[in-house]
Amino acid sequence: MVLAIDQGTSGTTCLIVDSELRPRGRGFRPVRQYYPRPGWVEHDPEDIWQSVVAATEQALVDASVRAGDVQAIGITNQRETTLLWDRRSGEPVQRAIVWQDRRTAERCRELPKDLIRARTGLVPDPYFSATKLEWLLRDRSPDGLAFGTVDSWLVWKLTGGRVHATDVTNASRTMLLRLDTLDWDDDLLELFGIERSLLPRIRRSSEVVGDGELSGASAPIAGIAGDQQASLFGHGCFHAGQAKTTYGTGNFVLVHAGTSPPVPPHGIIATAAAGDTSTRSKGPSSSPAQRSNGCTRASVCSPTRARARHSRTRSMTTGASTSCRRLPASARRTGAPTHVASSPA
């Protein structure tokens, strides 16, 4: 049995999945959002963790299995949401700043757009984690603190503070990861005044990062991916030109762009995608520069920036998310990234 944790913006869903990938049990717990000021959105990190605990217990009961029957844990999560906690006590220093939060909009207007675009594939925007972390660190010493997106927080809690890690998909949404090396970028860390000691270790999306303990049993944490990249992978989009659309709190279009960092046009952002490690022994990339991190690249539609005039795909269903489809040949170029855009949510 596999415990699949989906920690989202409005709540946490946990599934117990059998060896045939059939859901056997389901649990859900809502997560409260706080709005202390206009444009500010926050979560209580402990609420997030307790929602995972409760949803897991509910899923186990629904599946009529014991916690000891779980052989692996997988995590997918809301991306960009930024947490900061004390390494010694494990206590959050304050509420998490959610991806929707706009409090750092003025700071983003001051940032070097071209540098950030070239290094990260992103654009300066409060959506991403870097300015949120910078804001949390104002008038606060970084000594003894740990930063993470929601996946890192859950890994920390599951392992009792023994592991501080993230995967490449979540790291690529921080505005601190260099997309061509899949490592933290020293120039960007200096720009935001962030020390490397704060940051989690970057791991592959499909890799055992540690043993997690939940509901009185232990199992390896064997997979991590940000929610949209997990959806791209889950819909079988393993090859350049394949795309998926998801309708949730926001509307997201992702297109697999191959194994080299794409140079997307205006209105499109680039980010790292989770890979199909089952077909390649060292991960999805055949490029030596990328192989060690086991990650492909995807060109991603920004829900706040994209425009419909560039769109070459349409949704295949009207449900929560669409099936994967390959773009028409006219929309693909051999050896180059494929791009897609749609109207904002």
C-alpha atoms as a PDB file:
ATOM      1  CA  MET A   1       0.000   0.000   0.000  1.00  0.00           C
ATOM      2  CA  VAL A   2       1.074   3.574  -0.732  1.00  0.00           C
ATOM      3  CA  LEU A   3       0.008   6.626   1.228  1.00  0.00           C
ATOM      4  CA  ALA A   4      -0.465   9.507  -1.213  1.00  0.00           C
ATOM      5  CA  ILE A   5      -0.585  12.926   0.475  1.00  0.00           C
ATOM      6  CA  ASP A   6      -2.035  15.831  -1.517  1.00  0.00           C
ATOM      7  CA  GLN A   7      -1.629  18.961   0.572  1.00  0.00           C
ATOM      8  CA  GLY A   8      -3.551  21.751  -1.186  1.00  0.00           C
ATOM      9  CA  THR A   9      -4.531  25.344  -0.569  1.00  0.00           C
ATOM     10  CA  SER A  10      -7.989  24.647   0.798  1.00  0.00           C
ATOM     11  CA  GLY A  11      -7.343  21.255   2.370  1.00  0.00           C
ATOM     12  CA  THR A  12      -5.447  17.977   2.503  1.00  0.00           C
ATOM     13  CA  THR A  13      -6.524  14.800   0.734  1.00  0.00           C
ATOM     14  CA  CYS A  14      -4.863  11.474   1.537  1.00  0.00           C
ATOM     15  CA  LEU A  15      -5.343   8.278  -0.450  1.00  0.00           C
ATOM     16  CA  ILE A  16      -4.400   4.696   0.301  1.00  0.00           C
ATOM     17  CA  VAL A  17      -3.436   3.184  -3.058  1.00  0.00           C
ATOM     18  CA  ASP A  18      -2.835  -0.509  -3.690  1.00  0.00           C
ATOM     19  CA  SER A  19      -0.190  -2.189  -5.863  1.00  0.00           C
ATOM     20  CA  GLU A  20      -2.442  -1.842  -8.913  1.00  0.00           C
ATOM     21  CA  LEU A  21      -2.699   1.930  -8.292  1.00  0.00           C
ATOM     22  CA  ARG A  22      -6.326   1.588  -7.279  1.00  0.00           C
ATOM     23  CA  PRO A  23      -7.520   3.922  -4.501  1.00  0.00           C
ATOM     24  CA  ARG A  24      -8.607   1.869  -1.508  1.00  0.00           C
ATOM     25  CA  GLY A  25      -9.330   4.631   0.995  1.00  0.00           C
ATOM     26  CA  ARG A  26      -9.676   8.405   1.119  1.00  0.00           C
ATOM     27  CA  GLY A  27      -9.449  11.052   3.808  1.00  0.00           C
ATOM     28  CA  PHE A  28      -9.884  14.824   3.657  1.00  0.00           C
ATOM     29  CA  ARG A  29      -9.439  17.680   6.092  1.00  0.00           C
ATOM     30  CA  PRO A  30      -9.873  21.387   5.302  1.00  0.00           C
ATOM     31  CA  VAL A  31      -7.132  23.897   6.071  1.00  0.00           C
ATOM     32  CA  ARG A  32      -8.089  27.342   7.308  1.00  0.00           C
ATOM     33  CA  GLN A  33      -6.840  30.405   5.457  1.00  0.00           C
ATOM     34  CA  TYR A  34      -6.161  33.689   7.221  1.00  0.00           C
ATOM     35  CA  TYR A  35      -6.536  37.125   5.621  1.00  0.00           C
ATOM     36  CA  PRO A  36      -4.946  39.613   8.063  1.00  0.00           C
ATOM     37  CA  ARG A  37      -4.886  42.443   5.482  1.00  0.00           C
ATOM     38  CA  PRO A  38      -6.155  42.977   1.938  1.00  0.00           C
ATOM     39  CA  GLY A  39      -3.912  40.946  -0.394  1.00  0.00           C
ATOM     40  CA  TRP A  40      -2.385  38.910   2.443  1.00  0.00           C
ATOM     41  CA  VAL A  41      -3.076  35.156   2.668  1.00  0.00           C
ATOM     42  CA  GLU A  42      -1.660  32.895   5.367  1.00  0.00           C
ATOM     43  CA  HIS A  43      -1.811  29.339   6.739  1.00  0.00           C
ATOM     44  CA  ASP A  44      -0.932  28.055  10.183  1.00  0.00           C
ATOM     45  CA  PRO A  45       1.822  25.448   9.532  1.00  0.00           C
ATOM     46  CA  GLU A  46       0.589  23.332  12.437  1.00  0.00           C
ATOM     47  CA  ASP A  47      -2.902  23.317  10.901  1.00  0.00           C
ATOM     48  CA  ILE A  48      -1.345  21.983   7.691  1.00  0.00           C
ATOM     49  CA  TRP A  49       0.435  19.208   9.576  1.00  0.00           C
ATOM     50  CA  GLN A  50      -2.599  18.233  11.661  1.00  0.00           C
ATOM     51  CA  SER A  51      -4.721  18.087   8.502  1.00  0.00           C
ATOM     52  CA  VAL A  52      -2.267  15.528   7.099  1.00  0.00           C
ATOM     53  CA  VAL A  53      -2.407  13.458  10.288  1.00  0.00           C
ATOM     54  CA  ALA A  54      -6.216  13.495  10.386  1.00  0.00           C
ATOM     55  CA  ALA A  55      -6.687  12.826   6.667  1.00  0.00           C
ATOM     56  CA  THR A  56      -4.253   9.908   6.849  1.00  0.00           C
ATOM     57  CA  GLU A  57      -6.092   8.315   9.749  1.00  0.00           C
ATOM     58  CA  GLN A  58      -9.393   8.724   7.922  1.00  0.00           C
ATOM     59  CA  ALA A  59      -7.954   7.154   4.749  1.00  0.00           C
ATOM     60  CA  LEU A  60      -6.601   4.171   6.683  1.00  0.00           C
ATOM     61  CA  VAL A  61      -9.993   3.565   8.279  1.00  0.00           C
ATOM     62  CA  ASP A  62     -11.742   3.964   4.931  1.00  0.00           C
ATOM     63  CA  ALA A  63      -9.356   1.439   3.353  1.00  0.00           C
ATOM     64  CA  SER A  64      -9.658  -0.979   6.298  1.00  0.00           C
ATOM     65  CA  VAL A  65      -5.873  -1.278   6.512  1.00  0.00           C
ATOM     66  CA  ARG A  66      -3.347  -0.700   9.282  1.00  0.00           C
ATOM     67  CA  ALA A  67      -0.670   1.979   9.214  1.00  0.00           C
ATOM     68  CA  GLY A  68       1.891  -0.818   9.189  1.00  0.00           C
ATOM     69  CA  ASP A  69       0.574  -1.952   5.791  1.00  0.00           C
ATOM     70  CA  VAL A  70       1.810   1.291   4.186  1.00  0.00           C
ATOM     71  CA  GLN A  71       5.030   0.563   2.318  1.00  0.00           C
ATOM     72  CA  ALA A  72       5.773   4.026   0.893  1.00  0.00           C
ATOM     73  CA  ILE A  73       4.699   7.654   1.189  1.00  0.00           C
ATOM     74  CA  GLY A  74       4.344  10.131  -1.647  1.00  0.00           C
ATOM     75  CA  ILE A  75       3.809  13.878  -1.295  1.00  0.00           C
ATOM     76  CA  THR A  76       2.343  16.440  -3.651  1.00  0.00           C
ATOM     77  CA  ASN A  77       1.647  19.942  -2.480  1.00  0.00           C
ATOM     78  CA  GLN A  78       0.612  23.507  -3.082  1.00  0.00           C
ATOM     79  CA  ARG A  79       3.725  25.176  -4.420  1.00  0.00           C
ATOM     80  CA  GLU A  80       5.455  28.473  -3.502  1.00  0.00           C
ATOM     81  CA  THR A  81       3.774  28.739  -0.082  1.00  0.00           C
ATOM     82  CA  THR A  82       6.618  29.752   2.221  1.00  0.00           C
ATOM     83  CA  LEU A  83       7.368  28.502   5.734  1.00  0.00           C
ATOM     84  CA  LEU A  84      10.115  29.347   8.216  1.00  0.00           C
ATOM     85  CA  TRP A  85      10.695  27.384  11.406  1.00  0.00           C
ATOM     86  CA  ASP A  86      13.154  26.857  14.240  1.00  0.00           C
ATOM     87  CA  ARG A  87      15.412  23.865  13.657  1.00  0.00           C
ATOM     88  CA  ARG A  88      15.788  23.026  17.330  1.00  0.00           C
ATOM     89  CA  SER A  89      12.172  23.230  18.461  1.00  0.00           C
ATOM     90  CA  GLY A  90      10.484  22.620  15.100  1.00  0.00           C
ATOM     91  CA  GLU A  91       8.152  25.533  15.839  1.00  0.00           C
ATOM     92  CA  PRO A  92       7.157  27.896  12.984  1.00  0.00           C
ATOM     93  CA  VAL A  93       8.342  31.467  13.500  1.00  0.00           C
ATOM     94  CA  GLN A  94       4.994  32.734  12.209  1.00  0.00           C
ATOM     95  CA  ARG A  95       2.231  31.747   9.813  1.00  0.00           C
ATOM     96  CA  ALA A  96       3.110  30.499   6.336  1.00  0.00           C
ATOM     97  CA  ILE A  97       2.747  33.002   3.489  1.00  0.00           C
ATOM     98  CA  VAL A  98       0.516  31.396   0.864  1.00  0.00           C
ATOM     99  CA  TRP A  99       1.270  31.488  -2.876  1.00  0.00           C
ATOM    100  CA  GLN A 100      -1.716  33.796  -3.435  1.00  0.00           C
ATOM    101  CA  ASP A 101      -0.279  36.468  -1.118  1.00  0.00           C
ATOM    102  CA  ARG A 102       0.612  39.827  -2.752  1.00  0.00           C
ATOM    103  CA  ARG A 103       2.347  41.679   0.071  1.00  0.00           C
ATOM    104  CA  THR A 104       5.709  41.793  -1.743  1.00  0.00           C
ATOM    105  CA  ALA A 105       4.396  43.255  -5.007  1.00  0.00           C
ATOM    106  CA  GLU A 106       6.287  46.539  -4.572  1.00  0.00           C
ATOM    107  CA  ARG A 107       9.545  44.693  -3.883  1.00  0.00           C
ATOM    108  CA  CYS A 108       9.088  42.627  -7.047  1.00  0.00           C
ATOM    109  CA  ARG A 109       8.890  45.782  -9.162  1.00  0.00           C
ATOM    110  CA  GLU A 110      12.416  46.646  -7.990  1.00  0.00           C
ATOM    111  CA  LEU A 111      13.991  43.333  -8.964  1.00  0.00           C
ATOM    112  CA  PRO A 112      16.203  42.700 -12.038  1.00  0.00           C
ATOM    113  CA  LYS A 113      13.688  41.043 -14.336  1.00  0.00           C
ATOM    114  CA  ASP A 114      16.151  39.907 -16.993  1.00  0.00           C
ATOM    115  CA  LEU A 115      18.485  38.240 -14.495  1.00  0.00           C
ATOM    116  CA  ILE A 116      15.679  36.359 -12.772  1.00  0.00           C
ATOM    117  CA  ARG A 117      14.160  35.333 -16.086  1.00  0.00           C
ATOM    118  CA  ALA A 118      17.494  34.052 -17.431  1.00  0.00           C
ATOM    119  CA  ARG A 119      18.454  32.131 -14.303  1.00  0.00           C
ATOM    120  CA  THR A 120      15.123  30.719 -13.097  1.00  0.00           C
ATOM    121  CA  GLY A 121      12.755  30.756 -16.090  1.00  0.00           C
ATOM    122  CA  LEU A 122      10.350  32.781 -13.940  1.00  0.00           C
ATOM    123  CA  VAL A 123       9.443  36.471 -13.684  1.00  0.00           C
ATOM    124  CA  PRO A 124       9.619  38.645 -10.543  1.00  0.00           C
ATOM    125  CA  ASP A 125       6.260  38.138  -8.869  1.00  0.00           C
ATOM    126  CA  PRO A 126       4.975  37.789  -5.279  1.00  0.00           C
ATOM    127  CA  TYR A 127       3.594  34.408  -6.368  1.00  0.00           C
ATOM    128  CA  PHE A 128       7.038  32.821  -5.934  1.00  0.00           C
ATOM    129  CA  SER A 129       8.813  32.117  -2.655  1.00  0.00           C
ATOM    130  CA  ALA A 130      11.924  34.322  -2.674  1.00  0.00           C
ATOM    131  CA  THR A 131      10.353  37.648  -1.720  1.00  0.00           C
ATOM    132  CA  LYS A 132       8.096  35.901   0.797  1.00  0.00           C
ATOM    133  CA  LEU A 133      11.154  34.435   2.516  1.00  0.00           C
ATOM    134  CA  GLU A 134      12.928  37.799   2.352  1.00  0.00           C
ATOM    135  CA  TRP A 135       9.886  39.352   4.055  1.00  0.00           C
ATOM    136  CA  LEU A 136       9.830  36.692   6.797  1.00  0.00           C
ATOM    137  CA  LEU A 137      13.531  37.308   7.499  1.00  0.00           C
ATOM    138  CA  ARG A 138      13.214  41.068   7.913  1.00  0.00           C
ATOM    139  CA  ASP A 139      14.609  42.102  11.349  1.00  0.00           C
ATOM    140  CA  ARG A 140      15.188  38.424  12.123  1.00  0.00           C
ATOM    141  CA  SER A 141      18.462  36.501  12.370  1.00  0.00           C
ATOM    142  CA  PRO A 142      18.566  33.408  10.134  1.00  0.00           C
ATOM    143  CA  ASP A 143      20.622  31.511  12.713  1.00  0.00           C
ATOM    144  CA  GLY A 144      18.997  28.225  13.650  1.00  0.00           C
ATOM    145  CA  LEU A 145      16.116  28.615  11.202  1.00  0.00           C
ATOM    146  CA  ALA A 146      14.950  26.464   8.295  1.00  0.00           C
ATOM    147  CA  PHE A 147      13.064  27.509   5.171  1.00  0.00           C
ATOM    148  CA  GLY A 148      10.846  25.277   3.129  1.00  0.00           C
ATOM    149  CA  THR A 149       7.847  25.041   0.892  1.00  0.00           C
ATOM    150  CA  VAL A 150       5.023  22.794   2.105  1.00  0.00           C
ATOM    151  CA  ASP A 151       6.753  19.605   0.932  1.00  0.00           C
ATOM    152  CA  SER A 152       9.825  20.429   3.021  1.00  0.00           C
ATOM    153  CA  TRP A 153       7.674  21.116   6.068  1.00  0.00           C
ATOM    154  CA  LEU A 154       5.902  17.777   5.715  1.00  0.00           C
ATOM    155  CA  VAL A 155       9.174  15.882   5.229  1.00  0.00           C
ATOM    156  CA  TRP A 156      10.569  17.604   8.326  1.00  0.00           C
ATOM    157  CA  LYS A 157       7.509  16.674  10.387  1.00  0.00           C
ATOM    158  CA  LEU A 158       7.291  13.109   9.041  1.00  0.00           C
ATOM    159  CA  THR A 159      10.949  12.447   9.805  1.00  0.00           C
ATOM    160  CA  GLY A 160      10.921  14.128  13.212  1.00  0.00           C
ATOM    161  CA  GLY A 161      13.257  16.861  12.012  1.00  0.00           C
ATOM    162  CA  ARG A 162      15.888  14.457  10.714  1.00  0.00           C
ATOM    163  CA  VAL A 163      15.542  15.456   7.051  1.00  0.00           C
ATOM    164  CA  HIS A 164      15.399  18.941   5.534  1.00  0.00           C
ATOM    165  CA  ALA A 165      14.764  18.397   1.840  1.00  0.00           C
ATOM    166  CA  THR A 166      12.772  19.490  -1.172  1.00  0.00           C
ATOM    167  CA  ASP A 167      12.514  18.194  -4.721  1.00  0.00           C
ATOM    168  CA  VAL A 168      13.473  19.920  -7.948  1.00  0.00           C
ATOM    169  CA  THR A 169       9.892  20.781  -8.924  1.00  0.00           C
ATOM    170  CA  ASN A 170       9.218  22.695  -5.727  1.00  0.00           C
ATOM    171  CA  ALA A 171      12.693  24.238  -5.656  1.00  0.00           C
ATOM    172  CA  SER A 172      12.160  25.602  -9.156  1.00  0.00           C
ATOM    173  CA  ARG A 173       9.188  27.640  -7.882  1.00  0.00           C
ATOM    174  CA  THR A 174      11.150  29.558  -5.271  1.00  0.00           C
ATOM    175  CA  MET A 175      12.813  32.022  -7.705  1.00  0.00           C
ATOM    176  CA  LEU A 176      16.115  30.894  -6.166  1.00  0.00           C
ATOM    177  CA  LEU A 177      16.913  27.834  -8.311  1.00  0.00           C
ATOM    178  CA  ARG A 178      19.055  28.113 -11.420  1.00  0.00           C
ATOM    179  CA  LEU A 179      17.199  26.136 -14.069  1.00  0.00           C
ATOM    180  CA  ASP A 180      20.251  25.043 -16.072  1.00  0.00           C
ATOM    181  CA  THR A 181      22.091  23.558 -13.067  1.00  0.00           C
ATOM    182  CA  LEU A 182      19.128  22.675 -10.825  1.00  0.00           C
ATOM    183  CA  ASP A 183      20.966  24.149  -7.856  1.00  0.00           C
ATOM    184  CA  TRP A 184      20.470  27.195  -5.669  1.00  0.00           C
ATOM    185  CA  ASP A 185      21.865  30.289  -7.389  1.00  0.00           C
ATOM    186  CA  ASP A 186      24.418  32.237  -5.327  1.00  0.00           C
ATOM    187  CA  ASP A 187      23.710  35.554  -7.067  1.00  0.00           C
ATOM    188  CA  LEU A 188      20.009  35.285  -6.315  1.00  0.00           C
ATOM    189  CA  LEU A 189      20.678  34.260  -2.730  1.00  0.00           C
ATOM    190  CA  GLU A 190      22.787  37.401  -2.353  1.00  0.00           C
ATOM    191  CA  LEU A 191      20.108  39.516  -4.027  1.00  0.00           C
ATOM    192  CA  PHE A 192      17.506  38.435  -1.484  1.00  0.00           C
ATOM    193  CA  GLY A 193      19.887  38.248   1.492  1.00  0.00           C
ATOM    194  CA  ILE A 194      19.308  34.525   1.998  1.00  0.00           C
ATOM    195  CA  GLU A 195      21.950  32.189   3.417  1.00  0.00           C
ATOM    196  CA  ARG A 196      22.345  28.683   2.020  1.00  0.00           C
ATOM    197  CA  SER A 197      22.163  27.279   5.533  1.00  0.00           C
ATOM    198  CA  LEU A 198      18.450  28.106   5.547  1.00  0.00           C
ATOM    199  CA  LEU A 199      17.685  26.077   2.462  1.00  0.00           C
ATOM    200  CA  PRO A 200      16.658  22.437   2.090  1.00  0.00           C
ATOM    201  CA  ARG A 201      18.714  19.920   0.173  1.00  0.00           C
ATOM    202  CA  ILE A 202      17.399  19.463  -3.366  1.00  0.00           C
ATOM    203  CA  ARG A 203      16.473  15.881  -4.224  1.00  0.00           C
ATOM    204  CA  ARG A 204      14.977  14.111  -7.229  1.00  0.00           C
ATOM    205  CA  SER A 205      11.204  13.828  -7.440  1.00  0.00           C
ATOM    206  CA  SER A 206      11.447  10.019  -7.397  1.00  0.00           C
ATOM    207  CA  GLU A 207      13.885   9.199  -4.620  1.00  0.00           C
ATOM    208  CA  VAL A 208      13.741   7.979  -1.042  1.00  0.00           C
ATOM    209  CA  VAL A 209      14.536  11.032   1.087  1.00  0.00           C
ATOM    210  CA  GLY A 210      14.005   9.449   4.490  1.00  0.00           C
ATOM    211  CA  ASP A 211      11.708   7.331   6.641  1.00  0.00           C
ATOM    212  CA  GLY A 212       8.454   8.975   7.616  1.00  0.00           C
ATOM    213  CA  GLU A 213       6.514   8.125  10.759  1.00  0.00           C
ATOM    214  CA  LEU A 214       2.755   8.577  10.797  1.00  0.00           C
ATOM    215  CA  SER A 215      -0.083   6.909  12.699  1.00  0.00           C
ATOM    216  CA  GLY A 216       2.370   4.767  14.644  1.00  0.00           C
ATOM    217  CA  ALA A 217       4.163   3.231  11.665  1.00  0.00           C
ATOM    218  CA  SER A 218       7.177   4.004   9.498  1.00  0.00           C
ATOM    219  CA  ALA A 219       7.539   3.995   5.704  1.00  0.00           C
ATOM    220  CA  PRO A 220      10.006   5.530   3.227  1.00  0.00           C
ATOM    221  CA  ILE A 221       9.113   8.890   1.708  1.00  0.00           C
ATOM    222  CA  ALA A 222       9.737   7.864  -1.893  1.00  0.00           C
ATOM    223  CA  GLY A 223       8.249  10.629  -4.030  1.00  0.00           C
ATOM    224  CA  ILE A 224       7.766  14.403  -3.918  1.00  0.00           C
ATOM    225  CA  ALA A 225       6.432  16.755  -6.591  1.00  0.00           C
ATOM    226  CA  GLY A 226       4.672  20.098  -6.679  1.00  0.00           C
ATOM    227  CA  ASP A 227       0.987  19.699  -7.465  1.00  0.00           C
ATOM    228  CA  GLN A 228       1.026  20.920 -11.066  1.00  0.00           C
ATOM    229  CA  GLN A 229       4.120  18.939 -12.044  1.00  0.00           C
ATOM    230  CA  ALA A 230       2.638  15.896 -10.314  1.00  0.00           C
ATOM    231  CA  SER A 231      -0.482  16.356 -12.430  1.00  0.00           C
ATOM    232  CA  LEU A 232       1.600  16.588 -15.608  1.00  0.00           C
ATOM    233  CA  PHE A 233       3.325  13.333 -14.703  1.00  0.00           C
ATOM    234  CA  GLY A 234       0.151  11.658 -13.491  1.00  0.00           C
ATOM    235  CA  HIS A 235      -1.560  12.321 -16.808  1.00  0.00           C
ATOM    236  CA  GLY A 236       1.263  10.544 -18.620  1.00  0.00           C
ATOM    237  CA  CYS A 237       2.855  13.614 -20.187  1.00  0.00           C
ATOM    238  CA  PHE A 238       6.352  12.152 -20.481  1.00  0.00           C
ATOM    239  CA  HIS A 239       7.352  13.563 -23.878  1.00  0.00           C
ATOM    240  CA  ALA A 240       7.938  16.995 -25.369  1.00  0.00           C
ATOM    241  CA  GLY A 241       4.767  18.545 -26.738  1.00  0.00           C
ATOM    242  CA  GLN A 242       2.368  16.825 -24.358  1.00  0.00           C
ATOM    243  CA  ALA A 243       0.213  19.073 -22.180  1.00  0.00           C
ATOM    244  CA  LYS A 244      -2.350  19.105 -19.400  1.00  0.00           C
ATOM    245  CA  THR A 245      -4.792  21.666 -18.024  1.00  0.00           C
ATOM    246  CA  THR A 246      -5.953  21.706 -14.407  1.00  0.00           C
ATOM    247  CA  TYR A 247      -8.882  23.636 -12.966  1.00  0.00           C
ATOM    248  CA  GLY A 248      -8.622  24.210  -9.229  1.00  0.00           C
ATOM    249  CA  THR A 249      -7.986  27.249  -7.041  1.00  0.00           C
ATOM    250  CA  GLY A 250      -6.292  28.542 -10.195  1.00  0.00           C
ATOM    251  CA  ASN A 251      -6.157  27.455 -13.823  1.00  0.00           C
ATOM    252  CA  PHE A 252      -2.853  25.938 -14.929  1.00  0.00           C
ATOM    253  CA  VAL A 253      -1.578  24.768 -18.310  1.00  0.00           C
ATOM    254  CA  LEU A 254       1.690  22.825 -18.393  1.00  0.00           C
ATOM    255  CA  VAL A 255       3.515  21.606 -21.482  1.00  0.00           C
ATOM    256  CA  HIS A 256       6.415  19.160 -21.464  1.00  0.00           C
ATOM    257  CA  ALA A 257       9.251  21.009 -23.238  1.00  0.00           C
ATOM    258  CA  GLY A 258      11.949  18.334 -23.345  1.00  0.00           C
ATOM    259  CA  THR A 259      15.248  17.976 -21.512  1.00  0.00           C
ATOM    260  CA  SER A 260      16.858  21.378 -22.161  1.00  0.00           C
ATOM    261  CA  PRO A 261      15.831  24.599 -20.410  1.00  0.00           C
ATOM    262  CA  PRO A 262      13.345  26.320 -22.750  1.00  0.00           C
ATOM    263  CA  VAL A 263      13.381  29.988 -23.714  1.00  0.00           C
ATOM    264  CA  PRO A 264       9.655  30.716 -23.511  1.00  0.00           C
ATOM    265  CA  PRO A 265       8.014  33.771 -25.100  1.00  0.00           C
ATOM    266  CA  HIS A 266       6.458  36.644 -23.197  1.00  0.00           C
ATOM    267  CA  GLY A 267       3.577  35.485 -21.010  1.00  0.00           C
ATOM    268  CA  ILE A 268       4.984  31.985 -20.470  1.00  0.00           C
ATOM    269  CA  ILE A 269       7.274  30.809 -17.677  1.00  0.00           C
ATOM    270  CA  ALA A 270       9.615  27.814 -17.542  1.00  0.00           C
ATOM    271  CA  THR A 271      10.049  25.452 -14.624  1.00  0.00           C
ATOM    272  CA  ALA A 272      11.340  21.987 -13.748  1.00  0.00           C
ATOM    273  CA  ALA A 273       9.090  18.961 -14.261  1.00  0.00           C
ATOM    274  CA  ALA A 274       8.961  15.645 -12.436  1.00  0.00           C
ATOM    275  CA  GLY A 275      10.357  12.876 -14.606  1.00  0.00           C
ATOM    276  CA  ASP A 276       9.566   9.355 -15.733  1.00  0.00           C
ATOM    277  CA  THR A 277      12.342   7.535 -13.887  1.00  0.00           C
ATOM    278  CA  SER A 278      10.936   4.154 -14.900  1.00  0.00           C
ATOM    279  CA  THR A 279      12.303   4.541 -18.428  1.00  0.00           C
ATOM    280  CA  ARG A 280      15.752   5.892 -17.530  1.00  0.00           C
ATOM    281  CA  SER A 281      18.014   4.526 -14.871  1.00  0.00           C
ATOM    282  CA  LYS A 282      19.151   7.935 -13.632  1.00  0.00           C
ATOM    283  CA  GLY A 283      15.979   9.931 -14.157  1.00  0.00           C
ATOM    284  CA  PRO A 284      14.192  11.379 -17.140  1.00  0.00           C
ATOM    285  CA  SER A 285      16.986  13.428 -18.624  1.00  0.00           C
ATOM    286  CA  SER A 286      19.572  12.015 -21.002  1.00  0.00           C
ATOM    287  CA  SER A 287      21.605  15.211 -20.747  1.00  0.00           C
ATOM    288  CA  PRO A 288      24.669  14.738 -18.493  1.00  0.00           C
ATOM    289  CA  ALA A 289      24.174  18.195 -17.008  1.00  0.00           C
ATOM    290  CA  GLN A 290      20.712  17.235 -15.784  1.00  0.00           C
ATOM    291  CA  ARG A 291      21.049  13.510 -15.142  1.00  0.00           C
ATOM    292  CA  SER A 292      22.168  13.688 -11.532  1.00  0.00           C
ATOM    293  CA  ASN A 293      19.012  15.507 -10.488  1.00  0.00           C
ATOM    294  CA  GLY A 294      16.602  13.310 -12.390  1.00  0.00           C
ATOM    295  CA  CYS A 295      14.471  16.053 -13.864  1.00  0.00           C
ATOM    296  CA  THR A 296      13.039  17.156 -17.186  1.00  0.00           C
ATOM    297  CA  ARG A 297      11.914  20.648 -18.098  1.00  0.00           C
ATOM    298  CA  ALA A 298       8.426  21.908 -18.773  1.00  0.00           C
ATOM    299  CA  SER A 299       7.269  25.193 -20.223  1.00  0.00           C
ATOM    300  CA  VAL A 300       4.499  26.381 -17.947  1.00  0.00           C
ATOM    301  CA  CYS A 301       1.619  28.766 -18.444  1.00  0.00           C
ATOM    302  CA  SER A 302       1.456  31.473 -15.798  1.00  0.00           C
ATOM    303  CA  PRO A 303      -2.173  31.775 -14.661  1.00  0.00           C
ATOM    304  CA  THR A 304      -1.767  35.506 -14.144  1.00  0.00           C
ATOM    305  CA  ARG A 305       0.193  36.374 -17.260  1.00  0.00           C
ATOM    306  CA  ALA A 306      -0.859  34.161 -20.155  1.00  0.00           C
ATOM    307  CA  ARG A 307      -3.048  35.323 -23.036  1.00  0.00           C
ATOM    308  CA  ALA A 308      -5.421  33.217 -25.081  1.00  0.00           C
ATOM    309  CA  ARG A 309      -4.155  34.464 -28.441  1.00  0.00           C
ATOM    310  CA  HIS A 310      -1.161  32.107 -28.179  1.00  0.00           C
ATOM    311  CA  SER A 311      -3.216  29.008 -27.382  1.00  0.00           C
ATOM    312  CA  ARG A 312      -2.953  25.953 -29.607  1.00  0.00           C
ATOM    313  CA  THR A 313      -4.772  23.497 -27.341  1.00  0.00           C
ATOM    314  CA  ARG A 314      -8.224  23.106 -25.873  1.00  0.00           C
ATOM    315  CA  SER A 315      -9.348  21.228 -22.799  1.00  0.00           C
ATOM    316  CA  MET A 316     -10.295  17.624 -23.420  1.00  0.00           C
ATOM    317  CA  THR A 317     -12.702  17.496 -20.478  1.00  0.00           C
ATOM    318  CA  THR A 318     -14.451  19.956 -18.203  1.00  0.00           C
ATOM    319  CA  GLY A 319     -13.655  18.187 -14.948  1.00  0.00           C
ATOM    320  CA  ALA A 320     -11.052  19.011 -12.331  1.00  0.00           C
ATOM    321  CA  SER A 321      -8.212  18.278 -14.746  1.00  0.00           C
ATOM    322  CA  THR A 322      -7.820  17.185 -18.338  1.00  0.00           C
ATOM    323  CA  SER A 323      -6.130  14.180 -19.817  1.00  0.00           C
ATOM    324  CA  CYS A 324      -2.740  14.599 -21.409  1.00  0.00           C
ATOM    325  CA  ARG A 325      -2.650  15.426 -25.099  1.00  0.00           C
ATOM    326  CA  ARG A 326       0.070  16.007 -27.642  1.00  0.00           C
ATOM    327  CA  LEU A 327       0.057  19.330 -29.417  1.00  0.00           C
ATOM    328  CA  PRO A 328      -0.366  19.423 -33.207  1.00  0.00           C
ATOM    329  CA  ALA A 329       2.829  19.031 -35.216  1.00  0.00           C
ATOM    330  CA  SER A 330       2.487  22.645 -36.319  1.00  0.00           C
ATOM    331  CA  ALA A 331       2.809  23.687 -32.681  1.00  0.00           C
ATOM    332  CA  ARG A 332       5.965  21.642 -32.052  1.00  0.00           C
ATOM    333  CA  ARG A 333       9.529  22.155 -33.205  1.00  0.00           C
ATOM    334  CA  THR A 334      12.062  19.356 -33.192  1.00  0.00           C
ATOM    335  CA  GLY A 335      14.831  20.019 -30.696  1.00  0.00           C
ATOM    336  CA  ALA A 336      13.132  23.102 -29.257  1.00  0.00           C
ATOM    337  CA  PRO A 337      10.723  23.665 -26.384  1.00  0.00           C
ATOM    338  CA  THR A 338       7.015  23.746 -27.049  1.00  0.00           C
ATOM    339  CA  HIS A 339       4.933  26.527 -25.530  1.00  0.00           C
ATOM    340  CA  VAL A 340       1.272  26.890 -24.719  1.00  0.00           C
ATOM    341  CA  ALA A 341      -0.800  29.645 -23.173  1.00  0.00           C
ATOM    342  CA  SER A 342      -4.394  30.183 -22.126  1.00  0.00           C
ATOM    343  CA  SER A 343      -6.647  32.778 -20.601  1.00  0.00           C
ATOM    344  CA  PRO A 344      -6.020  33.464 -16.926  1.00  0.00           C
ATOM    345  CA  ALA A 345      -8.260  31.714 -14.405  1.00  0.00           C
END
